[in-house]
PDB file of N, CA and C in Angstrom:
ATOM      1  N   MET A   1      27.419 -47.369 -87.103  1.00  0.00           N
ATOM      2  CA  MET A   1      28.390 -47.700 -86.084  1.00  0.00           C
ATOM      3  C   MET A   1      29.729 -47.063 -86.433  1.00  0.00           C
ATOM      4  N   PHE A   2      30.426 -46.645 -85.422  1.00  0.00           N
ATOM      5  CA  PHE A   2      31.745 -46.027 -85.574  1.00  0.00           C
ATOM      6  C   PHE A   2      32.789 -47.127 -85.672  1.00  0.00           C
ATOM      7  N   ASN A   3      33.408 -47.295 -86.828  1.00  0.00           N
ATOM      8  CA  ASN A   3      34.327 -48.405 -87.056  1.00  0.00           C
ATOM      9  C   ASN A   3      35.795 -48.078 -86.842  1.00  0.00           C
ATOM     10  N   GLN A   4      36.170 -46.844 -87.010  1.00  0.00           N
ATOM     11  CA  GLN A   4      37.581 -46.502 -86.892  1.00  0.00           C
ATOM     12  C   GLN A   4      37.728 -45.081 -86.385  1.00  0.00           C
ATOM     13  N   GLY A   5      38.730 -44.856 -85.556  1.00  0.00           N
ATOM     14  CA  GLY A   5      38.974 -43.511 -85.059  1.00  0.00           C
ATOM     15  C   GLY A   5      40.335 -43.419 -84.405  1.00  0.00           C
ATOM     16  N   HIS A   6      40.664 -42.230 -84.015  1.00  0.00           N
ATOM     17  CA  HIS A   6      41.939 -41.971 -83.360  1.00  0.00           C
ATOM     18  C   HIS A   6      41.694 -41.080 -82.158  1.00  0.00           C
ATOM     19  N   ALA A   7      42.519 -41.246 -81.150  1.00  0.00           N
ATOM     20  CA  ALA A   7      42.445 -40.381 -79.971  1.00  0.00           C
ATOM     21  C   ALA A   7      43.857 -40.052 -79.531  1.00  0.00           C
ATOM     22  N   LEU A   8      44.059 -38.838 -79.136  1.00  0.00           N
ATOM     23  CA  LEU A   8      45.332 -38.405 -78.575  1.00  0.00           C
ATOM     24  C   LEU A   8      45.114 -38.226 -77.085  1.00  0.00           C
ATOM     25  N   ILE A   9      45.818 -39.010 -76.304  1.00  0.00           N
ATOM     26  CA  ILE A   9      45.685 -38.956 -74.850  1.00  0.00           C
ATOM     27  C   ILE A   9      46.974 -38.370 -74.300  1.00  0.00           C
ATOM     28  N   ILE A  10      46.858 -37.270 -73.581  1.00  0.00           N
ATOM     29  CA  ILE A  10      48.023 -36.587 -73.043  1.00  0.00           C
ATOM     30  C   ILE A  10      47.972 -36.662 -71.521  1.00  0.00           C
ATOM     31  N   GLY A  11      49.035 -37.163 -70.944  1.00  0.00           N
ATOM     32  CA  GLY A  11      49.168 -37.185 -69.485  1.00  0.00           C
ATOM     33  C   GLY A  11      50.289 -36.241 -69.089  1.00  0.00           C
ATOM     34  N   VAL A  12      50.007 -35.324 -68.211  1.00  0.00           N
ATOM     35  CA  VAL A  12      51.018 -34.372 -67.762  1.00  0.00           C
ATOM     36  C   VAL A  12      51.879 -35.070 -66.713  1.00  0.00           C
ATOM     37  N   GLY A  13      53.166 -35.224 -67.002  1.00  0.00           N
ATOM     38  CA  GLY A  13      54.053 -35.994 -66.150  1.00  0.00           C
ATOM     39  C   GLY A  13      54.725 -35.234 -65.040  1.00  0.00           C
ATOM     40  N   ASP A  14      54.546 -33.929 -64.970  1.00  0.00           N
ATOM     41  CA  ASP A  14      55.191 -33.153 -63.914  1.00  0.00           C
ATOM     42  C   ASP A  14      54.200 -32.113 -63.410  1.00  0.00           C
ATOM     43  N   ASN A  15      53.965 -32.148 -62.132  1.00  0.00           N
ATOM     44  CA  ASN A  15      53.051 -31.195 -61.518  1.00  0.00           C
ATOM     45  C   ASN A  15      53.777 -30.552 -60.352  1.00  0.00           C
ATOM     46  N   ARG A  16      54.167 -29.305 -60.510  1.00  0.00           N
ATOM     47  CA  ARG A  16      54.989 -28.654 -59.484  1.00  0.00           C
ATOM     48  C   ARG A  16      54.213 -28.374 -58.200  1.00  0.00           C
ATOM     49  N   TYR A  17      52.901 -28.368 -58.276  1.00  0.00           N
ATOM     50  CA  TYR A  17      52.098 -28.049 -57.100  1.00  0.00           C
ATOM     51  C   TYR A  17      51.628 -29.273 -56.319  1.00  0.00           C
ATOM     52  N   GLU A  18      51.595 -30.405 -56.984  1.00  0.00           N
ATOM     53  CA  GLU A  18      51.097 -31.622 -56.339  1.00  0.00           C
ATOM     54  C   GLU A  18      52.004 -32.793 -56.701  1.00  0.00           C
ATOM     55  N   VAL A  19      52.916 -33.126 -55.802  1.00  0.00           N
ATOM     56  CA  VAL A  19      53.917 -34.159 -56.070  1.00  0.00           C
ATOM     57  C   VAL A  19      53.279 -35.506 -56.389  1.00  0.00           C
ATOM     58  N   ARG A  20      52.172 -35.839 -55.752  1.00  0.00           N
ATOM     59  CA  ARG A  20      51.560 -37.145 -55.968  1.00  0.00           C
ATOM     60  C   ARG A  20      50.969 -37.309 -57.371  1.00  0.00           C
ATOM     61  N   LEU A  21      50.888 -36.241 -58.143  1.00  0.00           N
ATOM     62  CA  LEU A  21      50.351 -36.318 -59.505  1.00  0.00           C
ATOM     63  C   LEU A  21      51.439 -36.348 -60.568  1.00  0.00           C
ATOM     64  N   ARG A  22      52.621 -36.759 -60.208  1.00  0.00           N
ATOM     65  CA  ARG A  22      53.724 -36.813 -61.170  1.00  0.00           C
ATOM     66  C   ARG A  22      53.640 -38.045 -62.052  1.00  0.00           C
ATOM     67  N   ALA A  23      54.587 -38.206 -62.930  1.00  0.00           N
ATOM     68  CA  ALA A  23      54.583 -39.157 -64.048  1.00  0.00           C
ATOM     69  C   ALA A  23      54.019 -40.554 -63.782  1.00  0.00           C
ATOM     70  N   PRO A  24      54.423 -41.293 -62.763  1.00  0.00           N
ATOM     71  CA  PRO A  24      53.888 -42.660 -62.631  1.00  0.00           C
ATOM     72  C   PRO A  24      52.365 -42.699 -62.519  1.00  0.00           C
ATOM     73  N   ILE A  25      51.784 -41.774 -61.794  1.00  0.00           N
ATOM     74  CA  ILE A  25      50.328 -41.753 -61.626  1.00  0.00           C
ATOM     75  C   ILE A  25      49.644 -41.324 -62.919  1.00  0.00           C
ATOM     76  N   THR A  26      50.145 -40.283 -63.572  1.00  0.00           N
ATOM     77  CA  THR A  26      49.498 -39.816 -64.800  1.00  0.00           C
ATOM     78  C   THR A  26      49.638 -40.830 -65.927  1.00  0.00           C
ATOM     79  N   ALA A  27      50.732 -41.583 -65.957  1.00  0.00           N
ATOM     80  CA  ALA A  27      50.892 -42.621 -66.975  1.00  0.00           C
ATOM     81  C   ALA A  27      49.854 -43.714 -66.784  1.00  0.00           C
ATOM     82  N   VAL A  28      49.597 -44.093 -65.553  1.00  0.00           N
ATOM     83  CA  VAL A  28      48.577 -45.103 -65.265  1.00  0.00           C
ATOM     84  C   VAL A  28      47.197 -44.578 -65.654  1.00  0.00           C
ATOM     85  N   ASP A  29      46.917 -43.317 -65.348  1.00  0.00           N
ATOM     86  CA  ASP A  29      45.626 -42.719 -65.713  1.00  0.00           C
ATOM     87  C   ASP A  29      45.439 -42.675 -67.228  1.00  0.00           C
ATOM     88  N   ALA A  30      46.473 -42.273 -67.953  1.00  0.00           N
ATOM     89  CA  ALA A  30      46.387 -42.208 -69.415  1.00  0.00           C
ATOM     90  C   ALA A  30      46.155 -43.593 -70.002  1.00  0.00           C
ATOM     91  N   GLN A  31      46.804 -44.599 -69.451  1.00  0.00           N
ATOM     92  CA  GLN A  31      46.605 -45.975 -69.925  1.00  0.00           C
ATOM     93  C   GLN A  31      45.180 -46.438 -69.652  1.00  0.00           C
ATOM     94  N   ALA A  32      44.633 -46.067 -68.506  1.00  0.00           N
ATOM     95  CA  ALA A  32      43.259 -46.451 -68.169  1.00  0.00           C
ATOM     96  C   ALA A  32      42.267 -45.821 -69.150  1.00  0.00           C
ATOM     97  N   VAL A  33      42.480 -44.567 -69.510  1.00  0.00           N
ATOM     98  CA  VAL A  33      41.609 -43.910 -70.497  1.00  0.00           C
ATOM     99  C   VAL A  33      41.718 -44.623 -71.840  1.00  0.00           C
ATOM    100  N   ALA A  34      42.927 -44.951 -72.254  1.00  0.00           N
ATOM    101  CA  ALA A  34      43.120 -45.666 -73.521  1.00  0.00           C
ATOM    102  C   ALA A  34      42.411 -47.020 -73.503  1.00  0.00           C
ATOM    103  N   ASP A  35      42.495 -47.716 -72.383  1.00  0.00           N
ATOM    104  CA  ASP A  35      41.828 -49.017 -72.268  1.00  0.00           C
ATOM    105  C   ASP A  35      40.313 -48.890 -72.416  1.00  0.00           C
ATOM    106  N   VAL A  36      39.728 -47.869 -71.815  1.00  0.00           N
ATOM    107  CA  VAL A  36      38.278 -47.649 -71.924  1.00  0.00           C
ATOM    108  C   VAL A  36      37.898 -47.319 -73.368  1.00  0.00           C
ATOM    109  N   LEU A  37      38.693 -46.495 -74.030  1.00  0.00           N
ATOM    110  CA  LEU A  37      38.384 -46.125 -75.413  1.00  0.00           C
ATOM    111  C   LEU A  37      38.475 -47.322 -76.359  1.00  0.00           C
ATOM    112  N   ARG A  38      39.298 -48.296 -76.030  1.00  0.00           N
ATOM    113  CA  ARG A  38      39.424 -49.498 -76.866  1.00  0.00           C
ATOM    114  C   ARG A  38      38.366 -50.550 -76.555  1.00  0.00           C
ATOM    115  N   ASP A  39      37.750 -50.465 -75.431  1.00  0.00           N
ATOM    116  CA  ASP A  39      36.804 -51.484 -74.973  1.00  0.00           C
ATOM    117  C   ASP A  39      35.456 -51.313 -75.676  1.00  0.00           C
ATOM    118  N   GLN A  40      35.046 -52.304 -76.396  1.00  0.00           N
ATOM    119  CA  GLN A  40      33.779 -52.256 -77.144  1.00  0.00           C
ATOM    120  C   GLN A  40      32.559 -52.047 -76.245  1.00  0.00           C
ATOM    121  N   ARG A  41      32.636 -52.467 -75.009  1.00  0.00           N
ATOM    122  CA  ARG A  41      31.497 -52.292 -74.089  1.00  0.00           C
ATOM    123  C   ARG A  41      31.255 -50.823 -73.742  1.00  0.00           C
ATOM    124  N   TYR A  42      32.298 -50.029 -73.781  1.00  0.00           N
ATOM    125  CA  TYR A  42      32.179 -48.618 -73.395  1.00  0.00           C
ATOM    126  C   TYR A  42      32.196 -47.665 -74.585  1.00  0.00           C
ATOM    127  N   ALA A  43      33.073 -47.919 -75.524  1.00  0.00           N
ATOM    128  CA  ALA A  43      33.256 -46.986 -76.625  1.00  0.00           C
ATOM    129  C   ALA A  43      32.912 -47.596 -77.977  1.00  0.00           C
ATOM    130  N   GLY A  44      32.324 -48.745 -77.964  1.00  0.00           N
ATOM    131  CA  GLY A  44      32.073 -49.433 -79.216  1.00  0.00           C
ATOM    132  C   GLY A  44      30.738 -49.178 -79.744  1.00  0.00           C
TER     133      GLY A  44
END
């Protein structure tokens, strides 16, 4: 079993081509990925 690890999650906060993909949305997406990686049901 994998007991310990690290992940670097990068969310791009500025998208010059698509305004709707700017910081607030990417921050929420990055947090969602982090939550899944911490959840024992998915990544445990």
